[in-house]
């Protein structure tokens, strides 16, 4: 009978279907977005994709690199920046080298918060090929900077991204490549998703998160055993 708070509707579904909790026990409190994430600066003059996350197997940066590399012929001035460190770094470095892409696919490692913000603001899209997420924090942070997301259609991403409004969700690698090409080559689509991302991000505030959690905590004080 203990109330549960979780960060996404996907997580609520897993708690109900996989662990057998009652939906009435569970409240969803999506994470907010810090106010420093907002539009500013200038968008990159050439196609720039940004991915942010721990370099670990479940993030599938290898698939992302292959997907983006397959578009180089159609989008010759394309650039991909991957931010983050992790155990997959050396493997990914070899992959980039084998593709001969060292000059346009960059493994930036750890960078400071201001640099991440600048990348969000200048990117044409933020991308993720992850196979499992509880949420997509980098996707909503980028959305607050008016940068749309192109991501795998998985639990967590479905909560963070409003498909065809703030970004595009892909059910396969082939679809991921198609979405990437569409956003990179269609200015009107890119602008529509950019506007939608900014509008979508306005729904996620830490004040709303705190209010929801406090309401759950307050409700427990009125329970009778």
N, C-alpha and C. Protein backbone atom coordinates (compact mmCIF):
# COMPACT_ATOMS: atom_id res chain seq x y z
N UNK A 1 0.81 -1.23 0.00
CA UNK A 1 0.00 0.00 0.00
C UNK A 1 0.84 1.27 0.00
N UNK A 2 2.14 1.12 -0.04
CA UNK A 2 3.01 2.30 0.01
C UNK A 2 2.95 3.08 -1.30
N UNK A 3 2.70 4.38 -1.26
CA UNK A 3 2.71 5.18 -2.49
C UNK A 3 4.09 5.16 -3.14
N UNK A 4 4.09 5.16 -4.45
CA UNK A 4 5.33 5.14 -5.22
C UNK A 4 5.34 6.34 -6.14
N UNK A 5 6.48 7.00 -6.24
CA UNK A 5 6.67 8.07 -7.20
C UNK A 5 7.74 7.63 -8.19
N UNK A 6 7.44 7.75 -9.47
CA UNK A 6 8.43 7.41 -10.50
C UNK A 6 8.49 8.54 -11.52
N UNK A 7 9.54 8.54 -12.34
CA UNK A 7 9.80 9.72 -13.17
C UNK A 7 9.13 9.68 -14.53
N UNK A 8 8.56 8.54 -14.95
CA UNK A 8 7.99 8.50 -16.29
C UNK A 8 6.81 7.54 -16.35
N UNK A 9 5.97 7.74 -17.36
CA UNK A 9 4.82 6.87 -17.57
C UNK A 9 5.29 5.48 -18.01
N UNK A 10 6.41 5.43 -18.70
CA UNK A 10 6.97 4.14 -19.09
C UNK A 10 7.40 3.34 -17.86
N UNK A 11 8.00 4.03 -16.90
CA UNK A 11 8.39 3.36 -15.66
C UNK A 11 7.17 2.90 -14.87
N UNK A 12 6.12 3.71 -14.88
CA UNK A 12 4.87 3.31 -14.22
C UNK A 12 4.34 2.03 -14.85
N UNK A 13 4.36 1.96 -16.17
CA UNK A 13 3.88 0.77 -16.87
C UNK A 13 4.68 -0.47 -16.48
N UNK A 14 6.01 -0.31 -16.38
CA UNK A 14 6.86 -1.43 -15.99
C UNK A 14 6.57 -1.87 -14.55
N UNK A 15 6.34 -0.93 -13.66
CA UNK A 15 6.03 -1.27 -12.28
C UNK A 15 4.72 -2.05 -12.17
N UNK A 16 3.77 -1.70 -13.02
CA UNK A 16 2.48 -2.39 -13.00
C UNK A 16 2.58 -3.75 -13.69
N UNK A 17 3.11 -3.77 -14.90
CA UNK A 17 3.10 -4.99 -15.70
C UNK A 17 4.16 -6.00 -15.27
N UNK A 18 5.34 -5.52 -14.89
CA UNK A 18 6.44 -6.44 -14.57
C UNK A 18 6.51 -6.79 -13.09
N UNK A 19 6.11 -5.85 -12.21
CA UNK A 19 6.26 -6.08 -10.78
C UNK A 19 4.93 -6.22 -10.04
N UNK A 20 3.85 -5.97 -10.74
CA UNK A 20 2.54 -6.26 -10.16
C UNK A 20 1.98 -5.23 -9.22
N UNK A 21 2.53 -4.02 -9.22
CA UNK A 21 1.96 -2.97 -8.38
C UNK A 21 0.64 -2.47 -8.97
N UNK A 22 -0.19 -1.92 -8.11
CA UNK A 22 -1.45 -1.34 -8.57
C UNK A 22 -1.19 0.05 -9.15
N UNK A 23 -1.84 0.38 -10.27
CA UNK A 23 -1.66 1.73 -10.83
C UNK A 23 -2.04 2.83 -9.84
N UNK A 24 -2.97 2.53 -8.93
CA UNK A 24 -3.41 3.53 -7.97
C UNK A 24 -2.30 3.91 -6.98
N UNK A 25 -1.30 3.04 -6.85
CA UNK A 25 -0.20 3.32 -5.93
C UNK A 25 0.83 4.29 -6.51
N UNK A 26 0.81 4.46 -7.82
CA UNK A 26 1.94 5.08 -8.51
C UNK A 26 1.58 6.46 -9.03
N UNK A 27 2.44 7.42 -8.74
CA UNK A 27 2.32 8.78 -9.26
C UNK A 27 3.54 9.08 -10.12
N UNK A 28 3.32 9.67 -11.28
CA UNK A 28 4.41 10.04 -12.17
C UNK A 28 4.78 11.50 -11.94
N UNK A 29 6.05 11.74 -11.69
CA UNK A 29 6.56 13.10 -11.51
C UNK A 29 7.74 13.29 -12.47
N UNK A 30 7.48 13.73 -13.69
CA UNK A 30 8.57 13.88 -14.66
C UNK A 30 9.62 14.88 -14.18
N UNK A 31 10.88 14.64 -14.50
CA UNK A 31 11.93 15.58 -14.09
C UNK A 31 11.80 16.90 -14.82
N UNK A 32 12.14 17.96 -14.13
CA UNK A 32 12.09 19.28 -14.73
C UNK A 32 13.32 19.58 -15.56
N UNK A 33 13.37 20.78 -16.08
CA UNK A 33 14.51 21.25 -16.87
C UNK A 33 15.02 22.53 -16.23
N UNK A 34 16.31 22.57 -15.97
CA UNK A 34 16.90 23.76 -15.35
C UNK A 34 16.69 24.98 -16.24
N UNK A 35 16.45 26.12 -15.63
CA UNK A 35 16.12 27.34 -16.38
C UNK A 35 17.26 27.84 -17.26
N UNK A 36 18.49 27.36 -16.99
CA UNK A 36 19.60 27.83 -17.83
C UNK A 36 19.55 27.25 -19.23
N UNK A 37 18.75 26.21 -19.42
CA UNK A 37 18.58 25.64 -20.76
C UNK A 37 17.50 26.43 -21.49
N UNK A 38 17.91 27.29 -22.39
CA UNK A 38 17.00 28.08 -23.19
C UNK A 38 17.71 28.49 -24.48
N UNK A 39 16.97 28.91 -25.49
CA UNK A 39 17.61 29.27 -26.75
C UNK A 39 18.59 30.42 -26.57
N UNK A 40 19.61 30.44 -27.43
CA UNK A 40 20.60 31.50 -27.38
C UNK A 40 21.71 31.20 -28.38
N UNK A 41 22.50 32.22 -28.68
CA UNK A 41 23.59 32.01 -29.62
C UNK A 41 23.07 31.77 -31.03
N UNK A 42 23.89 31.14 -31.85
CA UNK A 42 23.53 30.90 -33.24
C UNK A 42 23.58 29.41 -33.57
N UNK A 43 22.65 28.99 -34.40
CA UNK A 43 22.65 27.62 -34.89
C UNK A 43 23.85 27.43 -35.82
N UNK A 44 24.43 26.24 -35.80
CA UNK A 44 25.56 25.94 -36.67
C UNK A 44 25.19 26.20 -38.13
N UNK A 45 26.13 26.78 -38.87
CA UNK A 45 25.88 27.05 -40.29
C UNK A 45 25.85 25.78 -41.11
N UNK A 46 26.46 24.71 -40.61
CA UNK A 46 26.49 23.43 -41.31
C UNK A 46 25.83 22.37 -40.43
N UNK A 47 25.35 21.27 -41.02
CA UNK A 47 24.60 20.26 -40.26
C UNK A 47 25.41 19.68 -39.10
N UNK A 48 24.89 19.85 -37.89
CA UNK A 48 25.57 19.39 -36.68
C UNK A 48 24.60 18.55 -35.85
N UNK A 49 25.00 17.32 -35.57
CA UNK A 49 24.26 16.44 -34.67
C UNK A 49 25.05 16.28 -33.38
N UNK A 50 24.35 16.24 -32.26
CA UNK A 50 25.00 16.12 -30.95
C UNK A 50 24.35 14.98 -30.18
N UNK A 51 25.18 14.15 -29.56
CA UNK A 51 24.71 13.08 -28.68
C UNK A 51 25.46 13.20 -27.36
N UNK A 52 24.73 13.04 -26.26
CA UNK A 52 25.32 13.20 -24.93
C UNK A 52 24.96 11.99 -24.09
N UNK A 53 25.96 11.35 -23.48
CA UNK A 53 25.66 10.22 -22.62
C UNK A 53 26.89 9.41 -22.28
N UNK A 54 26.73 8.52 -21.32
CA UNK A 54 27.80 7.62 -20.92
C UNK A 54 28.11 6.66 -22.07
N UNK A 55 29.38 6.45 -22.37
CA UNK A 55 29.77 5.56 -23.46
C UNK A 55 29.73 4.11 -22.96
N UNK A 56 28.52 3.54 -22.98
CA UNK A 56 28.29 2.20 -22.48
C UNK A 56 27.45 1.44 -23.51
N UNK A 57 27.48 0.10 -23.46
CA UNK A 57 26.83 -0.69 -24.51
C UNK A 57 25.36 -0.34 -24.77
N UNK A 58 24.58 -0.13 -23.71
CA UNK A 58 23.15 0.11 -23.91
C UNK A 58 22.84 1.41 -24.64
N UNK A 59 23.80 2.30 -24.70
CA UNK A 59 23.59 3.57 -25.41
C UNK A 59 23.74 3.41 -26.92
N UNK A 60 24.41 2.35 -27.35
CA UNK A 60 24.55 2.01 -28.77
C UNK A 60 25.09 3.17 -29.62
N UNK A 61 26.15 3.78 -29.13
CA UNK A 61 26.79 4.82 -29.94
C UNK A 61 27.39 4.23 -31.21
N UNK A 62 27.73 2.94 -31.19
CA UNK A 62 28.24 2.30 -32.40
C UNK A 62 27.20 2.32 -33.51
N UNK A 63 25.95 2.02 -33.16
CA UNK A 63 24.87 2.07 -34.15
C UNK A 63 24.64 3.49 -34.64
N UNK A 64 24.72 4.43 -33.73
CA UNK A 64 24.52 5.82 -34.10
C UNK A 64 25.60 6.27 -35.08
N UNK A 65 26.84 5.92 -34.79
CA UNK A 65 27.95 6.30 -35.68
C UNK A 65 27.74 5.71 -37.07
N UNK A 66 27.37 4.44 -37.15
CA UNK A 66 27.11 3.81 -38.45
C UNK A 66 25.95 4.50 -39.17
N UNK A 67 24.89 4.82 -38.42
CA UNK A 67 23.73 5.47 -39.03
C UNK A 67 24.09 6.83 -39.61
N UNK A 68 24.83 7.61 -38.84
CA UNK A 68 25.22 8.93 -39.30
C UNK A 68 26.21 8.83 -40.46
N UNK A 69 27.13 7.88 -40.38
CA UNK A 69 28.11 7.71 -41.45
C UNK A 69 27.45 7.36 -42.78
N UNK A 70 26.34 6.64 -42.72
CA UNK A 70 25.65 6.25 -43.94
C UNK A 70 25.04 7.45 -44.67
N UNK A 71 24.96 8.60 -44.00
CA UNK A 71 24.38 9.80 -44.59
C UNK A 71 25.41 10.78 -45.12
N UNK A 72 26.68 10.48 -44.95
CA UNK A 72 27.72 11.44 -45.31
C UNK A 72 27.68 11.79 -46.79
N UNK A 73 27.36 10.82 -47.64
CA UNK A 73 27.31 11.10 -49.08
C UNK A 73 26.19 12.08 -49.42
N UNK A 74 25.03 11.94 -48.74
CA UNK A 74 23.90 12.82 -49.00
C UNK A 74 24.07 14.18 -48.34
N UNK A 75 24.79 14.21 -47.21
CA UNK A 75 24.99 15.45 -46.46
C UNK A 75 26.50 15.62 -46.24
N UNK A 76 27.23 16.09 -47.24
CA UNK A 76 28.69 16.07 -47.20
C UNK A 76 29.32 16.86 -46.06
N UNK A 77 28.67 17.94 -45.61
CA UNK A 77 29.26 18.77 -44.55
C UNK A 77 28.74 18.40 -43.16
N UNK A 78 28.19 17.20 -43.04
CA UNK A 78 27.66 16.72 -41.76
C UNK A 78 28.75 16.55 -40.71
N UNK A 79 28.40 16.86 -39.46
CA UNK A 79 29.31 16.68 -38.34
C UNK A 79 28.54 16.08 -37.16
N UNK A 80 29.18 15.16 -36.45
CA UNK A 80 28.60 14.54 -35.26
C UNK A 80 29.56 14.74 -34.09
N UNK A 81 29.02 15.24 -32.97
CA UNK A 81 29.80 15.38 -31.74
C UNK A 81 29.15 14.51 -30.68
N UNK A 82 29.94 13.60 -30.10
CA UNK A 82 29.48 12.73 -29.03
C UNK A 82 30.15 13.16 -27.74
N UNK A 83 29.36 13.54 -26.75
CA UNK A 83 29.86 14.04 -25.47
C UNK A 83 29.71 12.95 -24.42
N UNK A 84 30.78 12.66 -23.69
CA UNK A 84 30.72 11.69 -22.62
C UNK A 84 31.91 10.75 -22.64
N UNK A 85 32.15 10.10 -21.53
CA UNK A 85 33.21 9.10 -21.40
C UNK A 85 32.59 7.77 -20.97
N UNK A 86 33.40 6.72 -21.03
CA UNK A 86 32.91 5.42 -20.60
C UNK A 86 33.74 4.30 -21.19
N UNK A 87 33.39 3.08 -20.83
CA UNK A 87 34.21 1.92 -21.19
C UNK A 87 34.23 1.63 -22.68
N UNK A 88 33.29 2.19 -23.45
CA UNK A 88 33.25 1.95 -24.89
C UNK A 88 34.11 2.92 -25.69
N UNK A 89 34.78 3.84 -25.03
CA UNK A 89 35.46 4.92 -25.76
C UNK A 89 36.46 4.40 -26.78
N UNK A 90 37.37 3.49 -26.36
CA UNK A 90 38.40 3.01 -27.28
C UNK A 90 37.79 2.27 -28.47
N UNK A 91 36.76 1.48 -28.21
CA UNK A 91 36.08 0.76 -29.28
C UNK A 91 35.48 1.74 -30.28
N UNK A 92 34.87 2.80 -29.78
CA UNK A 92 34.26 3.80 -30.65
C UNK A 92 35.32 4.59 -31.41
N UNK A 93 36.43 4.86 -30.77
CA UNK A 93 37.53 5.55 -31.46
C UNK A 93 38.03 4.72 -32.64
N UNK A 94 38.15 3.41 -32.44
CA UNK A 94 38.59 2.53 -33.53
C UNK A 94 37.56 2.51 -34.65
N UNK A 95 36.28 2.49 -34.26
CA UNK A 95 35.22 2.49 -35.27
C UNK A 95 35.29 3.74 -36.13
N UNK A 96 35.44 4.89 -35.48
CA UNK A 96 35.53 6.15 -36.22
C UNK A 96 36.75 6.15 -37.13
N UNK A 97 37.86 5.67 -36.63
CA UNK A 97 39.08 5.61 -37.44
C UNK A 97 38.90 4.69 -38.64
N UNK A 98 38.28 3.53 -38.42
CA UNK A 98 38.05 2.58 -39.52
C UNK A 98 37.15 3.17 -40.60
N UNK A 99 36.25 4.05 -40.20
CA UNK A 99 35.37 4.72 -41.16
C UNK A 99 36.05 5.90 -41.85
N UNK A 100 37.25 6.24 -41.38
CA UNK A 100 37.93 7.41 -41.92
C UNK A 100 37.19 8.69 -41.63
N UNK A 101 36.56 8.74 -40.45
CA UNK A 101 35.68 9.85 -40.11
C UNK A 101 36.21 10.73 -38.99
N UNK A 102 37.52 10.63 -38.71
CA UNK A 102 38.08 11.39 -37.59
C UNK A 102 37.90 12.90 -37.73
N UNK A 103 37.77 13.37 -38.96
CA UNK A 103 37.68 14.81 -39.17
C UNK A 103 36.26 15.36 -39.03
N UNK A 104 35.25 14.45 -38.90
CA UNK A 104 33.89 14.97 -38.78
C UNK A 104 33.05 14.26 -37.72
N UNK A 105 33.52 13.16 -37.17
CA UNK A 105 32.89 12.55 -36.00
C UNK A 105 33.83 12.72 -34.82
N UNK A 106 33.39 13.45 -33.82
CA UNK A 106 34.27 13.84 -32.71
C UNK A 106 33.78 13.24 -31.40
N UNK A 107 34.66 12.54 -30.71
CA UNK A 107 34.39 12.05 -29.36
C UNK A 107 34.96 13.08 -28.39
N UNK A 108 34.08 13.94 -27.90
CA UNK A 108 34.53 15.11 -27.13
C UNK A 108 34.91 14.76 -25.70
N UNK A 109 34.52 13.57 -25.21
CA UNK A 109 34.79 13.23 -23.81
C UNK A 109 33.97 14.09 -22.88
N UNK A 110 34.50 14.30 -21.68
CA UNK A 110 33.79 15.14 -20.71
C UNK A 110 34.05 16.59 -21.02
N UNK A 111 33.01 17.39 -21.08
CA UNK A 111 33.14 18.83 -21.24
C UNK A 111 32.30 19.51 -20.17
N UNK A 112 32.54 20.80 -19.94
CA UNK A 112 31.82 21.46 -18.85
C UNK A 112 30.39 21.82 -19.29
N UNK A 113 29.59 22.21 -18.31
CA UNK A 113 28.17 22.44 -18.55
C UNK A 113 27.92 23.54 -19.58
N UNK A 114 28.74 24.58 -19.57
CA UNK A 114 28.54 25.67 -20.53
C UNK A 114 28.80 25.20 -21.96
N UNK A 115 29.76 24.30 -22.13
CA UNK A 115 30.04 23.76 -23.46
C UNK A 115 28.91 22.86 -23.94
N UNK A 116 28.33 22.08 -23.03
CA UNK A 116 27.18 21.26 -23.39
C UNK A 116 26.02 22.15 -23.83
N UNK A 117 25.77 23.20 -23.07
CA UNK A 117 24.70 24.14 -23.42
C UNK A 117 24.93 24.74 -24.80
N UNK A 118 26.17 25.14 -25.08
CA UNK A 118 26.49 25.72 -26.38
C UNK A 118 26.25 24.72 -27.51
N UNK A 119 26.56 23.45 -27.27
CA UNK A 119 26.32 22.43 -28.29
C UNK A 119 24.83 22.21 -28.52
N UNK A 120 24.05 22.15 -27.44
CA UNK A 120 22.60 22.02 -27.59
C UNK A 120 22.05 23.15 -28.47
N UNK A 121 22.53 24.37 -28.22
CA UNK A 121 21.99 25.52 -28.92
C UNK A 121 22.42 25.57 -30.39
N UNK A 122 23.59 25.06 -30.70
CA UNK A 122 24.09 25.14 -32.07
C UNK A 122 23.70 23.93 -32.92
N UNK A 123 23.34 22.81 -32.28
CA UNK A 123 23.03 21.58 -33.02
C UNK A 123 21.75 21.72 -33.84
N UNK A 124 21.71 21.00 -34.95
CA UNK A 124 20.48 20.92 -35.73
C UNK A 124 19.53 19.92 -35.09
N UNK A 125 20.09 18.93 -34.41
CA UNK A 125 19.27 17.95 -33.67
C UNK A 125 20.15 17.26 -32.65
N UNK A 126 19.52 16.81 -31.56
CA UNK A 126 20.20 15.94 -30.59
C UNK A 126 19.73 14.52 -30.88
N UNK A 127 20.64 13.55 -30.77
CA UNK A 127 20.33 12.19 -31.22
C UNK A 127 20.66 11.17 -30.15
N UNK A 128 19.89 10.06 -30.17
CA UNK A 128 20.15 8.95 -29.26
C UNK A 128 19.70 7.65 -29.91
N UNK A 129 20.58 6.65 -29.86
CA UNK A 129 20.25 5.31 -30.36
C UNK A 129 20.14 4.32 -29.21
N UNK A 130 19.94 4.81 -28.00
CA UNK A 130 19.91 3.98 -26.80
C UNK A 130 18.80 2.93 -26.87
N UNK A 131 19.06 1.79 -26.23
CA UNK A 131 18.06 0.72 -26.19
C UNK A 131 17.26 0.71 -24.89
N UNK A 132 17.69 1.48 -23.90
CA UNK A 132 16.96 1.51 -22.62
C UNK A 132 17.24 2.80 -21.88
N UNK A 133 16.18 3.49 -21.49
CA UNK A 133 16.29 4.73 -20.72
C UNK A 133 15.11 4.84 -19.78
N UNK A 134 15.34 5.39 -18.59
CA UNK A 134 14.23 5.71 -17.70
C UNK A 134 13.58 7.01 -18.10
N UNK A 135 14.35 7.86 -18.72
CA UNK A 135 13.92 9.17 -19.21
C UNK A 135 14.90 9.55 -20.31
N UNK A 136 14.74 10.70 -20.90
CA UNK A 136 15.70 11.19 -21.88
C UNK A 136 16.09 12.61 -21.52
N UNK A 137 16.85 12.75 -20.44
CA UNK A 137 17.14 14.08 -19.90
C UNK A 137 17.86 14.97 -20.90
N UNK A 138 18.82 14.40 -21.63
CA UNK A 138 19.54 15.22 -22.60
C UNK A 138 18.59 15.69 -23.71
N UNK A 139 17.57 14.89 -23.99
CA UNK A 139 16.63 15.25 -25.04
C UNK A 139 15.73 16.41 -24.62
N UNK A 140 15.29 16.41 -23.36
CA UNK A 140 14.45 17.53 -22.91
C UNK A 140 15.28 18.79 -22.67
N UNK A 141 16.53 18.63 -22.21
CA UNK A 141 17.40 19.80 -22.07
C UNK A 141 17.63 20.46 -23.43
N UNK A 142 17.89 19.65 -24.45
CA UNK A 142 18.08 20.19 -25.79
C UNK A 142 16.79 20.84 -26.31
N UNK A 143 15.65 20.20 -26.01
CA UNK A 143 14.37 20.75 -26.44
C UNK A 143 14.16 22.15 -25.89
N UNK A 144 14.58 22.38 -24.64
CA UNK A 144 14.45 23.69 -24.04
C UNK A 144 15.31 24.73 -24.74
N UNK A 145 16.29 24.26 -25.51
CA UNK A 145 17.13 25.14 -26.33
C UNK A 145 16.61 25.22 -27.76
N UNK A 146 15.38 24.72 -27.99
CA UNK A 146 14.74 24.70 -29.30
C UNK A 146 15.43 23.76 -30.27
N UNK A 147 16.02 22.69 -29.75
CA UNK A 147 16.69 21.70 -30.59
C UNK A 147 15.91 20.40 -30.53
N UNK A 148 15.40 19.93 -31.67
CA UNK A 148 14.60 18.70 -31.69
C UNK A 148 15.45 17.46 -31.48
N UNK A 149 14.79 16.35 -31.17
CA UNK A 149 15.46 15.07 -30.92
C UNK A 149 15.12 14.06 -32.01
N UNK A 150 16.09 13.24 -32.34
CA UNK A 150 15.88 12.07 -33.18
C UNK A 150 16.39 10.90 -32.36
N UNK A 151 15.50 10.00 -31.98
CA UNK A 151 15.86 8.98 -31.00
C UNK A 151 15.11 7.68 -31.26
N UNK A 152 15.61 6.63 -30.65
CA UNK A 152 14.96 5.33 -30.74
C UNK A 152 13.63 5.36 -29.99
N UNK A 153 12.69 4.59 -30.51
CA UNK A 153 11.34 4.54 -29.94
C UNK A 153 11.33 3.52 -28.80
N UNK A 154 11.77 3.95 -27.62
CA UNK A 154 11.86 3.09 -26.45
C UNK A 154 11.20 3.77 -25.27
N UNK A 155 10.93 2.98 -24.23
CA UNK A 155 10.44 3.56 -22.97
C UNK A 155 11.44 4.61 -22.51
N UNK A 156 10.96 5.69 -21.98
CA UNK A 156 11.85 6.78 -21.58
C UNK A 156 11.92 7.83 -22.67
N UNK A 157 12.37 7.45 -23.85
CA UNK A 157 12.36 8.38 -24.98
C UNK A 157 10.93 8.77 -25.33
N UNK A 158 10.01 7.81 -25.23
CA UNK A 158 8.62 8.13 -25.55
C UNK A 158 8.03 9.12 -24.57
N UNK A 159 8.58 9.17 -23.37
CA UNK A 159 8.12 10.15 -22.37
C UNK A 159 8.74 11.52 -22.60
N UNK A 160 10.01 11.52 -23.02
CA UNK A 160 10.75 12.78 -23.17
C UNK A 160 10.48 13.48 -24.50
N UNK A 161 10.10 12.71 -25.52
CA UNK A 161 9.92 13.26 -26.86
C UNK A 161 8.46 13.09 -27.29
N UNK A 162 7.86 14.17 -27.76
CA UNK A 162 6.54 14.11 -28.37
C UNK A 162 6.76 13.87 -29.86
N UNK A 163 6.48 12.63 -30.31
CA UNK A 163 6.78 12.26 -31.69
C UNK A 163 6.07 13.18 -32.68
N UNK A 164 6.83 13.65 -33.65
CA UNK A 164 6.37 14.55 -34.72
C UNK A 164 6.00 15.94 -34.20
N UNK A 165 6.31 16.20 -32.95
CA UNK A 165 6.14 17.55 -32.40
C UNK A 165 7.48 18.10 -31.95
N UNK A 166 8.10 17.43 -30.98
CA UNK A 166 9.40 17.90 -30.49
C UNK A 166 10.56 17.09 -31.07
N UNK A 167 10.24 16.10 -31.88
CA UNK A 167 11.28 15.27 -32.48
C UNK A 167 10.66 14.08 -33.18
N UNK A 168 11.51 13.14 -33.56
CA UNK A 168 11.06 11.95 -34.27
C UNK A 168 11.61 10.71 -33.58
N UNK A 169 10.76 9.70 -33.40
CA UNK A 169 11.16 8.44 -32.78
C UNK A 169 11.22 7.35 -33.85
N UNK A 170 12.25 6.52 -33.75
CA UNK A 170 12.51 5.50 -34.76
C UNK A 170 12.40 4.10 -34.18
N UNK A 171 11.66 3.24 -34.86
CA UNK A 171 11.50 1.87 -34.40
C UNK A 171 12.56 0.91 -34.90
N UNK A 172 13.45 1.38 -35.77
CA UNK A 172 14.52 0.55 -36.29
C UNK A 172 15.68 1.44 -36.72
N UNK A 173 16.83 0.83 -36.98
CA UNK A 173 17.98 1.61 -37.44
C UNK A 173 17.69 2.24 -38.80
N UNK A 174 17.00 1.51 -39.66
CA UNK A 174 16.63 2.05 -40.96
C UNK A 174 15.78 3.29 -40.82
N UNK A 175 14.82 3.24 -39.90
CA UNK A 175 13.96 4.40 -39.67
C UNK A 175 14.74 5.54 -39.04
N UNK A 176 15.69 5.21 -38.18
CA UNK A 176 16.54 6.25 -37.57
C UNK A 176 17.29 7.01 -38.66
N UNK A 177 17.87 6.28 -39.61
CA UNK A 177 18.59 6.91 -40.71
C UNK A 177 17.65 7.79 -41.52
N UNK A 178 16.45 7.29 -41.80
CA UNK A 178 15.47 8.05 -42.58
C UNK A 178 15.08 9.34 -41.86
N UNK A 179 14.88 9.26 -40.54
CA UNK A 179 14.53 10.46 -39.77
C UNK A 179 15.69 11.46 -39.78
N UNK A 180 16.90 10.96 -39.61
CA UNK A 180 18.07 11.84 -39.64
C UNK A 180 18.15 12.57 -40.98
N UNK A 181 18.00 11.84 -42.06
CA UNK A 181 18.08 12.46 -43.38
C UNK A 181 16.99 13.50 -43.57
N UNK A 182 15.78 13.17 -43.12
CA UNK A 182 14.66 14.11 -43.28
C UNK A 182 14.93 15.42 -42.54
N UNK A 183 15.36 15.32 -41.30
CA UNK A 183 15.58 16.53 -40.50
C UNK A 183 16.75 17.34 -41.04
N UNK A 184 17.78 16.67 -41.51
CA UNK A 184 18.97 17.37 -42.00
C UNK A 184 18.75 18.04 -43.35
N UNK A 185 17.82 17.53 -44.13
CA UNK A 185 17.66 18.04 -45.50
C UNK A 185 16.38 18.83 -45.72
N UNK A 186 15.52 18.89 -44.72
CA UNK A 186 14.24 19.60 -44.87
C UNK A 186 14.15 20.74 -43.87
N UNK A 187 14.48 21.97 -44.29
CA UNK A 187 14.48 23.11 -43.36
C UNK A 187 13.12 23.36 -42.71
N UNK A 188 12.04 23.16 -43.46
CA UNK A 188 10.71 23.42 -42.90
C UNK A 188 10.39 22.42 -41.79
N UNK A 189 10.71 21.15 -42.01
CA UNK A 189 10.50 20.14 -40.97
C UNK A 189 11.35 20.46 -39.75
N UNK A 190 12.58 20.82 -39.99
CA UNK A 190 13.49 21.13 -38.87
C UNK A 190 12.97 22.30 -38.05
N UNK A 191 12.46 23.33 -38.72
CA UNK A 191 11.94 24.49 -38.00
C UNK A 191 10.68 24.13 -37.23
N UNK A 192 9.82 23.33 -37.84
CA UNK A 192 8.59 22.92 -37.14
C UNK A 192 8.91 22.13 -35.88
N UNK A 193 9.86 21.22 -35.99
CA UNK A 193 10.24 20.42 -34.82
C UNK A 193 10.96 21.27 -33.78
N UNK A 194 11.73 22.25 -34.24
CA UNK A 194 12.40 23.15 -33.31
C UNK A 194 11.38 23.94 -32.48
N UNK A 195 10.38 24.48 -33.16
CA UNK A 195 9.32 25.21 -32.46
C UNK A 195 8.56 24.29 -31.52
N UNK A 196 8.30 23.07 -31.97
CA UNK A 196 7.59 22.11 -31.14
C UNK A 196 8.38 21.67 -29.94
N UNK A 197 9.70 21.54 -30.11
CA UNK A 197 10.56 21.15 -28.99
C UNK A 197 10.51 22.20 -27.89
N UNK A 198 10.58 23.45 -28.28
CA UNK A 198 10.55 24.53 -27.28
C UNK A 198 9.22 24.54 -26.54
N UNK A 199 8.13 24.36 -27.27
CA UNK A 199 6.81 24.34 -26.63
C UNK A 199 6.68 23.13 -25.70
N UNK A 200 7.17 21.98 -26.14
CA UNK A 200 7.09 20.75 -25.34
C UNK A 200 7.88 20.90 -24.04
N UNK A 201 9.05 21.50 -24.13
CA UNK A 201 9.93 21.63 -22.97
C UNK A 201 9.32 22.49 -21.87
N UNK A 202 8.46 23.41 -22.25
CA UNK A 202 7.85 24.30 -21.25
C UNK A 202 6.99 23.52 -20.26
N UNK A 203 6.62 22.30 -20.59
CA UNK A 203 5.80 21.50 -19.68
C UNK A 203 6.57 20.83 -18.57
N UNK A 204 7.90 20.93 -18.59
CA UNK A 204 8.73 20.24 -17.60
C UNK A 204 9.47 21.26 -16.74
N UNK A 205 8.98 21.46 -15.51
CA UNK A 205 9.63 22.37 -14.58
C UNK A 205 9.89 21.66 -13.26
N UNK A 206 10.95 22.08 -12.57
CA UNK A 206 11.24 21.47 -11.27
C UNK A 206 10.20 21.86 -10.24
N UNK A 207 9.55 23.01 -10.43
CA UNK A 207 8.48 23.40 -9.52
C UNK A 207 7.32 22.39 -9.60
N UNK A 208 6.99 21.98 -10.83
CA UNK A 208 5.91 21.00 -10.99
C UNK A 208 6.32 19.64 -10.43
N UNK A 209 7.58 19.28 -10.63
CA UNK A 209 8.08 18.02 -10.08
C UNK A 209 7.97 18.02 -8.55
N UNK A 210 8.45 19.09 -7.94
CA UNK A 210 8.42 19.19 -6.48
C UNK A 210 6.99 19.17 -5.94
N UNK A 211 6.10 19.90 -6.62
CA UNK A 211 4.70 19.97 -6.18
C UNK A 211 4.07 18.58 -6.18
N UNK A 212 4.31 17.81 -7.25
CA UNK A 212 3.73 16.48 -7.34
C UNK A 212 4.25 15.57 -6.23
N UNK A 213 5.55 15.61 -5.99
CA UNK A 213 6.15 14.77 -4.95
C UNK A 213 5.65 15.18 -3.56
N UNK A 214 5.57 16.48 -3.31
CA UNK A 214 5.10 16.95 -2.01
C UNK A 214 3.64 16.56 -1.77
N UNK A 215 2.83 16.57 -2.83
CA UNK A 215 1.43 16.15 -2.68
C UNK A 215 1.34 14.69 -2.27
N UNK A 216 2.21 13.85 -2.84
CA UNK A 216 2.22 12.44 -2.46
C UNK A 216 2.67 12.28 -1.01
N UNK A 217 3.71 13.00 -0.64
CA UNK A 217 4.20 12.93 0.74
C UNK A 217 3.12 13.40 1.72
N UNK A 218 2.43 14.48 1.35
CA UNK A 218 1.38 15.01 2.24
C UNK A 218 0.25 14.01 2.39
N UNK A 219 -0.05 13.29 1.33
CA UNK A 219 -1.17 12.33 1.39
C UNK A 219 -0.88 11.19 2.35
N UNK A 220 0.41 10.88 2.56
CA UNK A 220 0.74 9.77 3.44
C UNK A 220 0.50 10.14 4.91
N UNK A 221 0.53 11.43 5.22
CA UNK A 221 0.31 11.86 6.61
C UNK A 221 -1.14 11.69 7.02
N UNK A 222 -2.03 11.57 6.05
CA UNK A 222 -3.47 11.45 6.34
C UNK A 222 -3.97 10.02 6.31
N UNK A 223 -3.04 9.09 6.08
CA UNK A 223 -3.44 7.69 6.01
C UNK A 223 -3.68 7.12 7.41
N UNK A 224 -4.66 6.25 7.48
CA UNK A 224 -4.89 5.51 8.73
C UNK A 224 -4.44 4.09 8.54
N UNK A 225 -3.69 3.57 9.49
CA UNK A 225 -3.16 2.19 9.40
C UNK A 225 -4.25 1.19 9.79
